[in-house]
Amino acid sequence: MGVAQDRGRAGEALAAAYLELMGCRLVARNVRLGGVEVDLVVDDGPSRVLVEVRLRSRGDYGGAAETLGPAKRDRLRRAASALEQQGVRHPRVDVVAVDLVATGAVIAHYRNAVTG
């Protein structure tokens, strides 16, 4: 496994730990829905949430949250639609951005980041 994959998995683990601390229950990791791989699936109270984790080790060209492009947004919408077809009502799509800085990591949680 490469360095980028190791960092990606570590970022997902950090995001999962953060969400659990915030009261969410981890349901699945790296699951395929509608042909789309979703990093994390959690329950946040009554809501089922698909979570895209974005990790950035450098801030030269913007933060981690800024790396979520239109194509990925469309894929996440497709995954949410597939979840609805399985009977989940109104799934939410969140983004957890992890920016590595000199003093550690900065986590930002964007609820309902991908809509419609």
PDB file of N, CA and C in Angstrom:
ATOM      1  N   MET A   1       0.848  -1.171   0.000  1.00  0.00           N
ATOM      2  CA  MET A   1       0.000   0.000   0.000  1.00  0.00           C
ATOM      3  C   MET A   1       0.893   1.233   0.000  1.00  0.00           C
ATOM      4  N   GLY A   2       0.498   2.244  -0.787  1.00  0.00           N
ATOM      5  CA  GLY A   2       1.291   3.453  -0.925  1.00  0.00           C
ATOM      6  C   GLY A   2       1.056   4.435   0.204  1.00  0.00           C
ATOM      7  N   VAL A   3       1.893   5.448   0.229  1.00  0.00           N
ATOM      8  CA  VAL A   3       1.812   6.486   1.256  1.00  0.00           C
ATOM      9  C   VAL A   3       0.468   7.206   1.185  1.00  0.00           C
ATOM     10  N   ALA A   4       0.015   7.532  -0.037  1.00  0.00           N
ATOM     11  CA  ALA A   4      -1.262   8.240  -0.191  1.00  0.00           C
ATOM     12  C   ALA A   4      -2.420   7.393   0.342  1.00  0.00           C
ATOM     13  N   GLN A   5      -2.398   6.096   0.066  1.00  0.00           N
ATOM     14  CA  GLN A   5      -3.458   5.215   0.576  1.00  0.00           C
ATOM     15  C   GLN A   5      -3.413   5.121   2.091  1.00  0.00           C
ATOM     16  N   ASP A   6      -2.214   5.050   2.650  1.00  0.00           N
ATOM     17  CA  ASP A   6      -2.071   5.019   4.109  1.00  0.00           C
ATOM     18  C   ASP A   6      -2.628   6.298   4.729  1.00  0.00           C
ATOM     19  N   ARG A   7      -2.306   7.426   4.136  1.00  0.00           N
ATOM     20  CA  ARG A   7      -2.819   8.707   4.648  1.00  0.00           C
ATOM     21  C   ARG A   7      -4.335   8.766   4.520  1.00  0.00           C
ATOM     22  N   GLY A   8      -4.852   8.282   3.394  1.00  0.00           N
ATOM     23  CA  GLY A   8      -6.296   8.270   3.191  1.00  0.00           C
ATOM     24  C   GLY A   8      -7.012   7.450   4.242  1.00  0.00           C
ATOM     25  N   ARG A   9      -6.481   6.275   4.529  1.00  0.00           N
ATOM     26  CA  ARG A   9      -7.087   5.415   5.560  1.00  0.00           C
ATOM     27  C   ARG A   9      -6.983   6.059   6.942  1.00  0.00           C
ATOM     28  N   ALA A  10      -5.853   6.690   7.209  1.00  0.00           N
ATOM     29  CA  ALA A  10      -5.693   7.371   8.500  1.00  0.00           C
ATOM     30  C   ALA A  10      -6.673   8.536   8.610  1.00  0.00           C
ATOM     31  N   GLY A  11      -6.871   9.270   7.516  1.00  0.00           N
ATOM     32  CA  GLY A  11      -7.839  10.361   7.516  1.00  0.00           C
ATOM     33  C   GLY A  11      -9.249   9.858   7.760  1.00  0.00           C
ATOM     34  N   GLU A  12      -9.602   8.727   7.150  1.00  0.00           N
ATOM     35  CA  GLU A  12     -10.922   8.131   7.360  1.00  0.00           C
ATOM     36  C   GLU A  12     -11.090   7.679   8.810  1.00  0.00           C
ATOM     37  N   ALA A  13     -10.036   7.100   9.371  1.00  0.00           N
ATOM     38  CA  ALA A  13     -10.104   6.650  10.770  1.00  0.00           C
ATOM     39  C   ALA A  13     -10.272   7.848  11.706  1.00  0.00           C
ATOM     40  N   LEU A  14      -9.561   8.927  11.417  1.00  0.00           N
ATOM     41  CA  LEU A  14      -9.681  10.137  12.233  1.00  0.00           C
ATOM     42  C   LEU A  14     -11.089  10.725  12.116  1.00  0.00           C
ATOM     43  N   ALA A  15     -11.624  10.768  10.900  1.00  0.00           N
ATOM     44  CA  ALA A  15     -12.983  11.276  10.686  1.00  0.00           C
ATOM     45  C   ALA A  15     -14.007  10.399  11.400  1.00  0.00           C
ATOM     46  N   ALA A  16     -13.831   9.082  11.343  1.00  0.00           N
ATOM     47  CA  ALA A  16     -14.759   8.169  12.021  1.00  0.00           C
ATOM     48  C   ALA A  16     -14.716   8.383  13.528  1.00  0.00           C
ATOM     49  N   ALA A  17     -13.520   8.543  14.084  1.00  0.00           N
ATOM     50  CA  ALA A  17     -13.392   8.783  15.527  1.00  0.00           C
ATOM     51  C   ALA A  17     -14.050  10.109  15.906  1.00  0.00           C
ATOM     52  N   TYR A  18     -13.843  11.125  15.094  1.00  0.00           N
ATOM     53  CA  TYR A  18     -14.464  12.428  15.343  1.00  0.00           C
ATOM     54  C   TYR A  18     -15.991  12.300  15.349  1.00  0.00           C
ATOM     55  N   LEU A  19     -16.539  11.647  14.331  1.00  0.00           N
ATOM     56  CA  LEU A  19     -17.997  11.501  14.247  1.00  0.00           C
ATOM     57  C   LEU A  19     -18.557  10.710  15.424  1.00  0.00           C
ATOM     58  N   GLU A  20     -17.842   9.686  15.850  1.00  0.00           N
ATOM     59  CA  GLU A  20     -18.288   8.916  17.023  1.00  0.00           C
ATOM     60  C   GLU A  20     -18.270   9.789  18.276  1.00  0.00           C
ATOM     61  N   LEU A  21     -17.250  10.619  18.419  1.00  0.00           N
ATOM     62  CA  LEU A  21     -17.206  11.542  19.554  1.00  0.00           C
ATOM     63  C   LEU A  21     -18.369  12.530  19.524  1.00  0.00           C
ATOM     64  N   MET A  22     -18.842  12.859  18.321  1.00  0.00           N
ATOM     65  CA  MET A  22     -19.954  13.787  18.159  1.00  0.00           C
ATOM     66  C   MET A  22     -21.309  13.094  18.312  1.00  0.00           C
ATOM     67  N   GLY A  23     -21.278  11.780  18.609  1.00  0.00           N
ATOM     68  CA  GLY A  23     -22.522  11.066  18.873  1.00  0.00           C
ATOM     69  C   GLY A  23     -23.061  10.233  17.731  1.00  0.00           C
ATOM     70  N   CYS A  24     -22.349  10.175  16.635  1.00  0.00           N
ATOM     71  CA  CYS A  24     -22.788   9.347  15.509  1.00  0.00           C
ATOM     72  C   CYS A  24     -22.391   7.889  15.746  1.00  0.00           C
ATOM     73  N   ARG A  25     -23.111   6.993  15.083  1.00  0.00           N
ATOM     74  CA  ARG A  25     -22.792   5.563  15.157  1.00  0.00           C
ATOM     75  C   ARG A  25     -22.303   5.105  13.792  1.00  0.00           C
ATOM     76  N   LEU A  26     -21.088   4.570  13.744  1.00  0.00           N
ATOM     77  CA  LEU A  26     -20.505   4.092  12.498  1.00  0.00           C
ATOM     78  C   LEU A  26     -21.253   2.852  12.026  1.00  0.00           C
ATOM     79  N   VAL A  27     -21.727   2.879  10.781  1.00  0.00           N
ATOM     80  CA  VAL A  27     -22.458   1.757  10.203  1.00  0.00           C
ATOM     81  C   VAL A  27     -21.563   0.959   9.260  1.00  0.00           C
ATOM     82  N   ALA A  28     -20.787   1.663   8.408  1.00  0.00           N
ATOM     83  CA  ALA A  28     -19.940   0.978   7.426  1.00  0.00           C
ATOM     84  C   ALA A  28     -18.814   1.895   6.976  1.00  0.00           C
ATOM     85  N   ARG A  29     -17.764   1.252   6.467  1.00  0.00           N
ATOM     86  CA  ARG A  29     -16.632   1.968   5.867  1.00  0.00           C
ATOM     87  C   ARG A  29     -16.448   1.466   4.449  1.00  0.00           C
ATOM     88  N   ASN A  30     -16.080   2.346   3.575  1.00  0.00           N
ATOM     89  CA  ASN A  30     -15.755   2.010   2.185  1.00  0.00           C
ATOM     90  C   ASN A  30     -16.783   1.072   1.554  1.00  0.00           C
ATOM     91  N   VAL A  31     -18.032   1.506   1.601  1.00  0.00           N
ATOM     92  CA  VAL A  31     -19.128   0.715   1.058  1.00  0.00           C
ATOM     93  C   VAL A  31     -19.484   1.234  -0.333  1.00  0.00           C
ATOM     94  N   ARG A  32     -19.951   0.345  -1.203  1.00  0.00           N
ATOM     95  CA  ARG A  32     -20.373   0.731  -2.545  1.00  0.00           C
ATOM     96  C   ARG A  32     -21.889   0.877  -2.587  1.00  0.00           C
ATOM     97  N   LEU A  33     -22.340   2.025  -3.047  1.00  0.00           N
ATOM     98  CA  LEU A  33     -23.774   2.302  -3.210  1.00  0.00           C
ATOM     99  C   LEU A  33     -23.987   2.900  -4.589  1.00  0.00           C
ATOM    100  N   GLY A  34     -24.786   2.248  -5.404  1.00  0.00           N
ATOM    101  CA  GLY A  34     -25.029   2.756  -6.751  1.00  0.00           C
ATOM    102  C   GLY A  34     -23.765   2.834  -7.583  1.00  0.00           C
ATOM    103  N   GLY A  35     -22.814   1.938  -7.326  1.00  0.00           N
ATOM    104  CA  GLY A  35     -21.550   1.941  -8.055  1.00  0.00           C
ATOM    105  C   GLY A  35     -20.553   2.980  -7.574  1.00  0.00           C
ATOM    106  N   VAL A  36     -20.856   3.621  -6.447  1.00  0.00           N
ATOM    107  CA  VAL A  36     -20.002   4.675  -5.911  1.00  0.00           C
ATOM    108  C   VAL A  36     -19.445   4.230  -4.570  1.00  0.00           C
ATOM    109  N   GLU A  37     -18.133   4.374  -4.377  1.00  0.00           N
ATOM    110  CA  GLU A  37     -17.567   4.050  -3.076  1.00  0.00           C
ATOM    111  C   GLU A  37     -17.743   5.245  -2.141  1.00  0.00           C
ATOM    112  N   VAL A  38     -18.358   4.968  -0.998  1.00  0.00           N
ATOM    113  CA  VAL A  38     -18.585   5.986   0.026  1.00  0.00           C
ATOM    114  C   VAL A  38     -17.647   5.684   1.182  1.00  0.00           C
ATOM    115  N   ASP A  39     -16.933   6.704   1.656  1.00  0.00           N
ATOM    116  CA  ASP A  39     -15.932   6.498   2.697  1.00  0.00           C
ATOM    117  C   ASP A  39     -16.537   5.964   3.992  1.00  0.00           C
ATOM    118  N   LEU A  40     -17.561   6.645   4.498  1.00  0.00           N
ATOM    119  CA  LEU A  40     -18.183   6.245   5.762  1.00  0.00           C
ATOM    120  C   LEU A  40     -19.694   6.364   5.645  1.00  0.00           C
ATOM    121  N   VAL A  41     -20.391   5.477   6.337  1.00  0.00           N
ATOM    122  CA  VAL A  41     -21.836   5.587   6.510  1.00  0.00           C
ATOM    123  C   VAL A  41     -22.071   5.588   8.011  1.00  0.00           C
ATOM    124  N   VAL A  42     -22.774   6.610   8.499  1.00  0.00           N
ATOM    125  CA  VAL A  42     -23.033   6.728   9.932  1.00  0.00           C
ATOM    126  C   VAL A  42     -24.506   7.035  10.156  1.00  0.00           C
ATOM    127  N   ASP A  43     -24.940   6.740  11.361  1.00  0.00           N
ATOM    128  CA  ASP A  43     -26.253   7.168  11.815  1.00  0.00           C
ATOM    129  C   ASP A  43     -26.043   8.347  12.749  1.00  0.00           C
ATOM    130  N   ASP A  44     -26.715   9.442  12.453  1.00  0.00           N
ATOM    131  CA  ASP A  44     -26.678  10.639  13.286  1.00  0.00           C
ATOM    132  C   ASP A  44     -28.094  10.836  13.797  1.00  0.00           C
ATOM    133  N   GLY A  45     -28.367  10.254  14.956  1.00  0.00           N
ATOM    134  CA  GLY A  45     -29.738  10.241  15.452  1.00  0.00           C
ATOM    135  C   GLY A  45     -30.577   9.442  14.483  1.00  0.00           C
ATOM    136  N   PRO A  46     -31.694  10.000  14.005  1.00  0.00           N
ATOM    137  CA  PRO A  46     -32.552   9.261  13.080  1.00  0.00           C
ATOM    138  C   PRO A  46     -32.067   9.318  11.622  1.00  0.00           C
ATOM    139  N   SER A  47     -31.035  10.087  11.343  1.00  0.00           N
ATOM    140  CA  SER A  47     -30.574  10.283   9.963  1.00  0.00           C
ATOM    141  C   SER A  47     -29.478   9.301   9.580  1.00  0.00           C
ATOM    142  N   ARG A  48     -29.580   8.747   8.386  1.00  0.00           N
ATOM    143  CA  ARG A  48     -28.496   7.954   7.803  1.00  0.00           C
ATOM    144  C   ARG A  48     -27.671   8.918   6.972  1.00  0.00           C
ATOM    145  N   VAL A  49     -26.365   8.903   7.182  1.00  0.00           N
ATOM    146  CA  VAL A  49     -25.489   9.898   6.580  1.00  0.00           C
ATOM    147  C   VAL A  49     -24.365   9.222   5.798  1.00  0.00           C
ATOM    148  N   LEU A  50     -24.185   9.663   4.550  1.00  0.00           N
ATOM    149  CA  LEU A  50     -23.043   9.256   3.753  1.00  0.00           C
ATOM    150  C   LEU A  50     -21.973  10.314   3.974  1.00  0.00           C
ATOM    151  N   VAL A  51     -20.763   9.878   4.279  1.00  0.00           N
ATOM    152  CA  VAL A  51     -19.701  10.830   4.611  1.00  0.00           C
ATOM    153  C   VAL A  51     -18.546  10.673   3.636  1.00  0.00           C
ATOM    154  N   GLU A  52     -18.211  11.774   2.985  1.00  0.00           N
ATOM    155  CA  GLU A  52     -17.035  11.842   2.139  1.00  0.00           C
ATOM    156  C   GLU A  52     -15.923  12.488   2.969  1.00  0.00           C
ATOM    157  N   VAL A  53     -14.789  11.806   3.064  1.00  0.00           N
ATOM    158  CA  VAL A  53     -13.655  12.321   3.834  1.00  0.00           C
ATOM    159  C   VAL A  53     -12.635  12.884   2.848  1.00  0.00           C
ATOM    160  N   ARG A  54     -12.232  14.117   3.075  1.00  0.00           N
ATOM    161  CA  ARG A  54     -11.238  14.771   2.241  1.00  0.00           C
ATOM    162  C   ARG A  54     -10.035  15.107   3.120  1.00  0.00           C
ATOM    163  N   LEU A  55      -8.843  14.723   2.672  1.00  0.00           N
ATOM    164  CA  LEU A  55      -7.617  14.945   3.436  1.00  0.00           C
ATOM    165  C   LEU A  55      -6.662  15.774   2.591  1.00  0.00           C
ATOM    166  N   ARG A  56      -6.054  16.748   3.210  1.00  0.00           N
ATOM    167  CA  ARG A  56      -5.058  17.576   2.541  1.00  0.00           C
ATOM    168  C   ARG A  56      -3.865  17.729   3.459  1.00  0.00           C
ATOM    169  N   SER A  57      -2.681  17.385   2.954  1.00  0.00           N
ATOM    170  CA  SER A  57      -1.490  17.513   3.781  1.00  0.00           C
ATOM    171  C   SER A  57      -0.778  18.843   3.546  1.00  0.00           C
ATOM    172  N   ARG A  58      -1.204  19.576   2.505  1.00  0.00           N
ATOM    173  CA  ARG A  58      -0.619  20.882   2.228  1.00  0.00           C
ATOM    174  C   ARG A  58      -1.735  21.858   1.908  1.00  0.00           C
ATOM    175  N   GLY A  59      -1.543  23.108   2.265  1.00  0.00           N
ATOM    176  CA  GLY A  59      -2.554  24.113   2.011  1.00  0.00           C
ATOM    177  C   GLY A  59      -2.211  25.072   0.891  1.00  0.00           C
ATOM    178  N   ASP A  60      -1.196  24.732   0.097  1.00  0.00           N
ATOM    179  CA  ASP A  60      -0.736  25.623  -0.972  1.00  0.00           C
ATOM    180  C   ASP A  60      -1.853  26.030  -1.928  1.00  0.00           C
ATOM    181  N   TYR A  61      -2.736  25.098  -2.225  1.00  0.00           N
ATOM    182  CA  TYR A  61      -3.766  25.341  -3.237  1.00  0.00           C
ATOM    183  C   TYR A  61      -5.167  25.229  -2.638  1.00  0.00           C
ATOM    184  N   GLY A  62      -5.305  25.583  -1.385  1.00  0.00           N
ATOM    185  CA  GLY A  62      -6.616  25.522  -0.735  1.00  0.00           C
ATOM    186  C   GLY A  62      -6.709  24.347   0.218  1.00  0.00           C
ATOM    187  N   GLY A  63      -7.780  24.343   0.985  1.00  0.00           N
ATOM    188  CA  GLY A  63      -7.974  23.308   1.989  1.00  0.00           C
ATOM    189  C   GLY A  63      -8.625  22.059   1.430  1.00  0.00           C
ATOM    190  N   ALA A  64      -8.764  21.075   2.287  1.00  0.00           N
ATOM    191  CA  ALA A  64      -9.311  19.775   1.899  1.00  0.00           C
ATOM    192  C   ALA A  64     -10.737  19.881   1.375  1.00  0.00           C
ATOM    193  N   ALA A  65     -11.547  20.718   1.991  1.00  0.00           N
ATOM    194  CA  ALA A  65     -12.950  20.837   1.571  1.00  0.00           C
ATOM    195  C   ALA A  65     -13.072  21.339   0.141  1.00  0.00           C
ATOM    196  N   GLU A  66     -12.106  22.097  -0.311  1.00  0.00           N
ATOM    197  CA  GLU A  66     -12.146  22.665  -1.655  1.00  0.00           C
ATOM    198  C   GLU A  66     -11.840  21.649  -2.742  1.00  0.00           C
ATOM    199  N   THR A  67     -11.441  20.450  -2.371  1.00  0.00           N
ATOM    200  CA  THR A  67     -11.079  19.437  -3.362  1.00  0.00           C
ATOM    201  C   THR A  67     -12.272  18.619  -3.835  1.00  0.00           C
ATOM    202  N   LEU A  68     -13.450  18.895  -3.339  1.00  0.00           N
ATOM    203  CA  LEU A  68     -14.647  18.154  -3.731  1.00  0.00           C
ATOM    204  C   LEU A  68     -15.244  18.796  -4.980  1.00  0.00           C
ATOM    205  N   GLY A  69     -14.950  18.201  -6.125  1.00  0.00           N
ATOM    206  CA  GLY A  69     -15.385  18.769  -7.390  1.00  0.00           C
ATOM    207  C   GLY A  69     -16.789  18.344  -7.803  1.00  0.00           C
ATOM    208  N   PRO A  70     -17.275  18.898  -8.896  1.00  0.00           N
ATOM    209  CA  PRO A  70     -18.628  18.592  -9.373  1.00  0.00           C
ATOM    210  C   PRO A  70     -18.850  17.115  -9.691  1.00  0.00           C
ATOM    211  N   ALA A  71     -17.858  16.446 -10.262  1.00  0.00           N
ATOM    212  CA  ALA A  71     -18.017  15.025 -10.604  1.00  0.00           C
ATOM    213  C   ALA A  71     -18.212  14.181  -9.342  1.00  0.00           C
ATOM    214  N   LYS A  72     -17.452  14.457  -8.298  1.00  0.00           N
ATOM    215  CA  LYS A  72     -17.586  13.708  -7.046  1.00  0.00           C
ATOM    216  C   LYS A  72     -18.925  14.018  -6.391  1.00  0.00           C
ATOM    217  N   ARG A  73     -19.358  15.264  -6.465  1.00  0.00           N
ATOM    218  CA  ARG A  73     -20.672  15.633  -5.920  1.00  0.00           C
ATOM    219  C   ARG A  73     -21.776  14.833  -6.613  1.00  0.00           C
ATOM    220  N   ASP A  74     -21.676  14.720  -7.937  1.00  0.00           N
ATOM    221  CA  ASP A  74     -22.675  13.939  -8.684  1.00  0.00           C
ATOM    222  C   ASP A  74     -22.669  12.478  -8.263  1.00  0.00           C
ATOM    223  N   ARG A  75     -21.487  11.913  -8.073  1.00  0.00           N
ATOM    224  CA  ARG A  75     -21.395  10.514  -7.638  1.00  0.00           C
ATOM    225  C   ARG A  75     -22.006  10.336  -6.247  1.00  0.00           C
ATOM    226  N   LEU A  76     -21.764  11.291  -5.347  1.00  0.00           N
ATOM    227  CA  LEU A  76     -22.341  11.202  -4.003  1.00  0.00           C
ATOM    228  C   LEU A  76     -23.864  11.315  -4.049  1.00  0.00           C
ATOM    229  N   ARG A  77     -24.390  12.136  -4.949  1.00  0.00           N
ATOM    230  CA  ARG A  77     -25.847  12.212  -5.126  1.00  0.00           C
ATOM    231  C   ARG A  77     -26.390  10.880  -5.614  1.00  0.00           C
ATOM    232  N   ARG A  78     -25.663  10.244  -6.519  1.00  0.00           N
ATOM    233  CA  ARG A  78     -26.074   8.931  -7.029  1.00  0.00           C
ATOM    234  C   ARG A  78     -26.071   7.893  -5.909  1.00  0.00           C
ATOM    235  N   ALA A  79     -25.075   7.940  -5.043  1.00  0.00           N
ATOM    236  CA  ALA A  79     -25.024   7.008  -3.904  1.00  0.00           C
ATOM    237  C   ALA A  79     -26.201   7.243  -2.964  1.00  0.00           C
ATOM    238  N   ALA A  80     -26.532   8.519  -2.708  1.00  0.00           N
ATOM    239  CA  ALA A  80     -27.672   8.840  -1.844  1.00  0.00           C
ATOM    240  C   ALA A  80     -28.968   8.340  -2.458  1.00  0.00           C
ATOM    241  N   SER A  81     -29.088   8.469  -3.765  1.00  0.00           N
ATOM    242  CA  SER A  81     -30.275   7.990  -4.467  1.00  0.00           C
ATOM    243  C   SER A  81     -30.390   6.469  -4.340  1.00  0.00           C
ATOM    244  N   ALA A  82     -29.270   5.780  -4.457  1.00  0.00           N
ATOM    245  CA  ALA A  82     -29.270   4.321  -4.300  1.00  0.00           C
ATOM    246  C   ALA A  82     -29.699   3.932  -2.887  1.00  0.00           C
ATOM    247  N   LEU A  83     -29.283   4.699  -1.913  1.00  0.00           N
ATOM    248  CA  LEU A  83     -29.674   4.438  -0.523  1.00  0.00           C
ATOM    249  C   LEU A  83     -31.181   4.655  -0.348  1.00  0.00           C
ATOM    250  N   GLU A  84     -31.711   5.683  -0.992  1.00  0.00           N
ATOM    251  CA  GLU A  84     -33.159   5.923  -0.938  1.00  0.00           C
ATOM    252  C   GLU A  84     -33.929   4.754  -1.552  1.00  0.00           C
ATOM    253  N   GLN A  85     -33.392   4.199  -2.629  1.00  0.00           N
ATOM    254  CA  GLN A  85     -34.037   3.052  -3.276  1.00  0.00           C
ATOM    255  C   GLN A  85     -34.035   1.829  -2.373  1.00  0.00           C
ATOM    256  N   GLN A  86     -33.133   1.800  -1.400  1.00  0.00           N
ATOM    257  CA  GLN A  86     -33.092   0.706  -0.424  1.00  0.00           C
ATOM    258  C   GLN A  86     -34.043   0.962   0.736  1.00  0.00           C
ATOM    259  N   GLY A  87     -34.749   2.101   0.703  1.00  0.00           N
ATOM    260  CA  GLY A  87     -35.742   2.384   1.728  1.00  0.00           C
ATOM    261  C   GLY A  87     -35.337   3.400   2.778  1.00  0.00           C
ATOM    262  N   VAL A  88     -34.146   3.967   2.677  1.00  0.00           N
ATOM    263  CA  VAL A  88     -33.714   4.991   3.629  1.00  0.00           C
ATOM    264  C   VAL A  88     -34.338   6.313   3.203  1.00  0.00           C
ATOM    265  N   ARG A  89     -35.033   6.938   4.116  1.00  0.00           N
ATOM    266  CA  ARG A  89     -35.701   8.205   3.797  1.00  0.00           C
ATOM    267  C   ARG A  89     -34.755   9.386   4.006  1.00  0.00           C
ATOM    268  N   HIS A  90     -34.621  10.178   2.977  1.00  0.00           N
ATOM    269  CA  HIS A  90     -33.856  11.430   3.020  1.00  0.00           C
ATOM    270  C   HIS A  90     -32.444  11.269   3.586  1.00  0.00           C
ATOM    271  N   PRO A  91     -31.602  10.434   2.956  1.00  0.00           N
ATOM    272  CA  PRO A  91     -30.216  10.347   3.436  1.00  0.00           C
ATOM    273  C   PRO A  91     -29.509  11.688   3.254  1.00  0.00           C
ATOM    274  N   ARG A  92     -28.579  11.932   4.134  1.00  0.00           N
ATOM    275  CA  ARG A  92     -27.818  13.184   4.118  1.00  0.00           C
ATOM    276  C   ARG A  92     -26.409  12.887   3.627  1.00  0.00           C
ATOM    277  N   VAL A  93     -25.791  13.829   2.952  1.00  0.00           N
ATOM    278  CA  VAL A  93     -24.404  13.682   2.521  1.00  0.00           C
ATOM    279  C   VAL A  93     -23.583  14.766   3.207  1.00  0.00           C
ATOM    280  N   ASP A  94     -22.638  14.334   4.029  1.00  0.00           N
ATOM    281  CA  ASP A  94     -21.747  15.238   4.745  1.00  0.00           C
ATOM    282  C   ASP A  94     -20.331  15.116   4.199  1.00  0.00           C
ATOM    283  N   VAL A  95     -19.544  16.129   4.441  1.00  0.00           N
ATOM    284  CA  VAL A  95     -18.123  16.098   4.113  1.00  0.00           C
ATOM    285  C   VAL A  95     -17.355  16.383   5.398  1.00  0.00           C
ATOM    286  N   VAL A  96     -16.360  15.560   5.680  1.00  0.00           N
ATOM    287  CA  VAL A  96     -15.437  15.827   6.778  1.00  0.00           C
ATOM    288  C   VAL A  96     -14.079  16.108   6.135  1.00  0.00           C
ATOM    289  N   ALA A  97     -13.599  17.327   6.323  1.00  0.00           N
ATOM    290  CA  ALA A  97     -12.325  17.754   5.757  1.00  0.00           C
ATOM    291  C   ALA A  97     -11.255  17.712   6.844  1.00  0.00           C
ATOM    292  N   VAL A  98     -10.152  17.065   6.525  1.00  0.00           N
ATOM    293  CA  VAL A  98      -9.025  16.962   7.453  1.00  0.00           C
ATOM    294  C   VAL A  98      -7.835  17.659   6.801  1.00  0.00           C
ATOM    295  N   ASP A  99      -7.423  18.755   7.410  1.00  0.00           N
ATOM    296  CA  ASP A  99      -6.255  19.488   6.927  1.00  0.00           C
ATOM    297  C   ASP A  99      -5.108  19.266   7.897  1.00  0.00           C
ATOM    298  N   LEU A 100      -4.008  18.717   7.386  1.00  0.00           N
ATOM    299  CA  LEU A 100      -2.828  18.510   8.222  1.00  0.00           C
ATOM    300  C   LEU A 100      -2.037  19.807   8.262  1.00  0.00           C
ATOM    301  N   VAL A 101      -1.723  20.251   9.472  1.00  0.00           N
ATOM    302  CA  VAL A 101      -0.965  21.484   9.684  1.00  0.00           C
ATOM    303  C   VAL A 101       0.229  21.160  10.573  1.00  0.00           C
ATOM    304  N   ALA A 102       1.097  22.115  10.746  1.00  0.00           N
ATOM    305  CA  ALA A 102       2.322  21.884  11.518  1.00  0.00           C
ATOM    306  C   ALA A 102       2.045  21.421  12.943  1.00  0.00           C
ATOM    307  N   THR A 103       0.936  21.856  13.515  1.00  0.00           N
ATOM    308  CA  THR A 103       0.632  21.517  14.905  1.00  0.00           C
ATOM    309  C   THR A 103      -0.271  20.299  15.054  1.00  0.00           C
ATOM    310  N   GLY A 104      -0.666  19.671  13.939  1.00  0.00           N
ATOM    311  CA  GLY A 104      -1.532  18.489  14.010  1.00  0.00           C
ATOM    312  C   GLY A 104      -2.519  18.467  12.862  1.00  0.00           C
ATOM    313  N   ALA A 105      -3.789  18.280  13.198  1.00  0.00           N
ATOM    314  CA  ALA A 105      -4.829  18.205  12.172  1.00  0.00           C
ATOM    315  C   ALA A 105      -5.992  19.110  12.551  1.00  0.00           C
ATOM    316  N   VAL A 106      -6.580  19.703  11.540  1.00  0.00           N
ATOM    317  CA  VAL A 106      -7.770  20.524  11.722  1.00  0.00           C
ATOM    318  C   VAL A 106      -8.913  19.811  11.010  1.00  0.00           C
ATOM    319  N   ILE A 107      -9.996  19.555  11.746  1.00  0.00           N
ATOM    320  CA  ILE A 107     -11.141  18.844  11.192  1.00  0.00           C
ATOM    321  C   ILE A 107     -12.307  19.821  11.053  1.00  0.00           C
ATOM    322  N   ALA A 108     -12.925  19.800   9.885  1.00  0.00           N
ATOM    323  CA  ALA A 108     -14.136  20.592   9.656  1.00  0.00           C
ATOM    324  C   ALA A 108     -15.222  19.644   9.154  1.00  0.00           C
ATOM    325  N   HIS A 109     -16.400  19.759   9.746  1.00  0.00           N
ATOM    326  CA  HIS A 109     -17.532  18.894   9.395  1.00  0.00           C
ATOM    327  C   HIS A 109     -18.594  19.756   8.716  1.00  0.00           C
ATOM    328  N   TYR A 110     -18.890  19.438   7.464  1.00  0.00           N
ATOM    329  CA  TYR A 110     -19.887  20.168   6.698  1.00  0.00           C
ATOM    330  C   TYR A 110     -21.121  19.273   6.546  1.00  0.00           C
ATOM    331  N   ARG A 111     -22.165  19.581   7.319  1.00  0.00           N
ATOM    332  CA  ARG A 111     -23.393  18.799   7.269  1.00  0.00           C
ATOM    333  C   ARG A 111     -24.201  19.184   6.032  1.00  0.00           C
ATOM    334  N   ASN A 112     -24.783  18.148   5.416  1.00  0.00           N
ATOM    335  CA  ASN A 112     -25.634  18.362   4.243  1.00  0.00           C
ATOM    336  C   ASN A 112     -24.883  19.151   3.170  1.00  0.00           C
ATOM    337  N   ALA A 113     -23.634  18.765   2.956  1.00  0.00           N
ATOM    338  CA  ALA A 113     -22.751  19.502   2.054  1.00  0.00           C
ATOM    339  C   ALA A 113     -23.101  19.310   0.589  1.00  0.00           C
ATOM    340  N   VAL A 114     -23.694  18.176   0.274  1.00  0.00           N
ATOM    341  CA  VAL A 114     -24.084  17.884  -1.098  1.00  0.00           C
ATOM    342  C   VAL A 114     -25.582  17.699  -1.100  1.00  0.00           C
ATOM    343  N   THR A 115     -26.288  18.549  -1.837  1.00  0.00           N
ATOM    344  CA  THR A 115     -27.742  18.496  -1.835  1.00  0.00           C
ATOM    345  C   THR A 115     -28.259  18.271  -3.249  1.00  0.00           C
ATOM    346  N   GLY A 116     -29.540  17.876  -3.277  1.00  0.00           N
ATOM    347  CA  GLY A 116     -30.332  17.803  -4.481  1.00  0.00           C
ATOM    348  C   GLY A 116     -29.915  16.963  -5.545  1.00  0.00           C
TER     349      GLY A 116
END
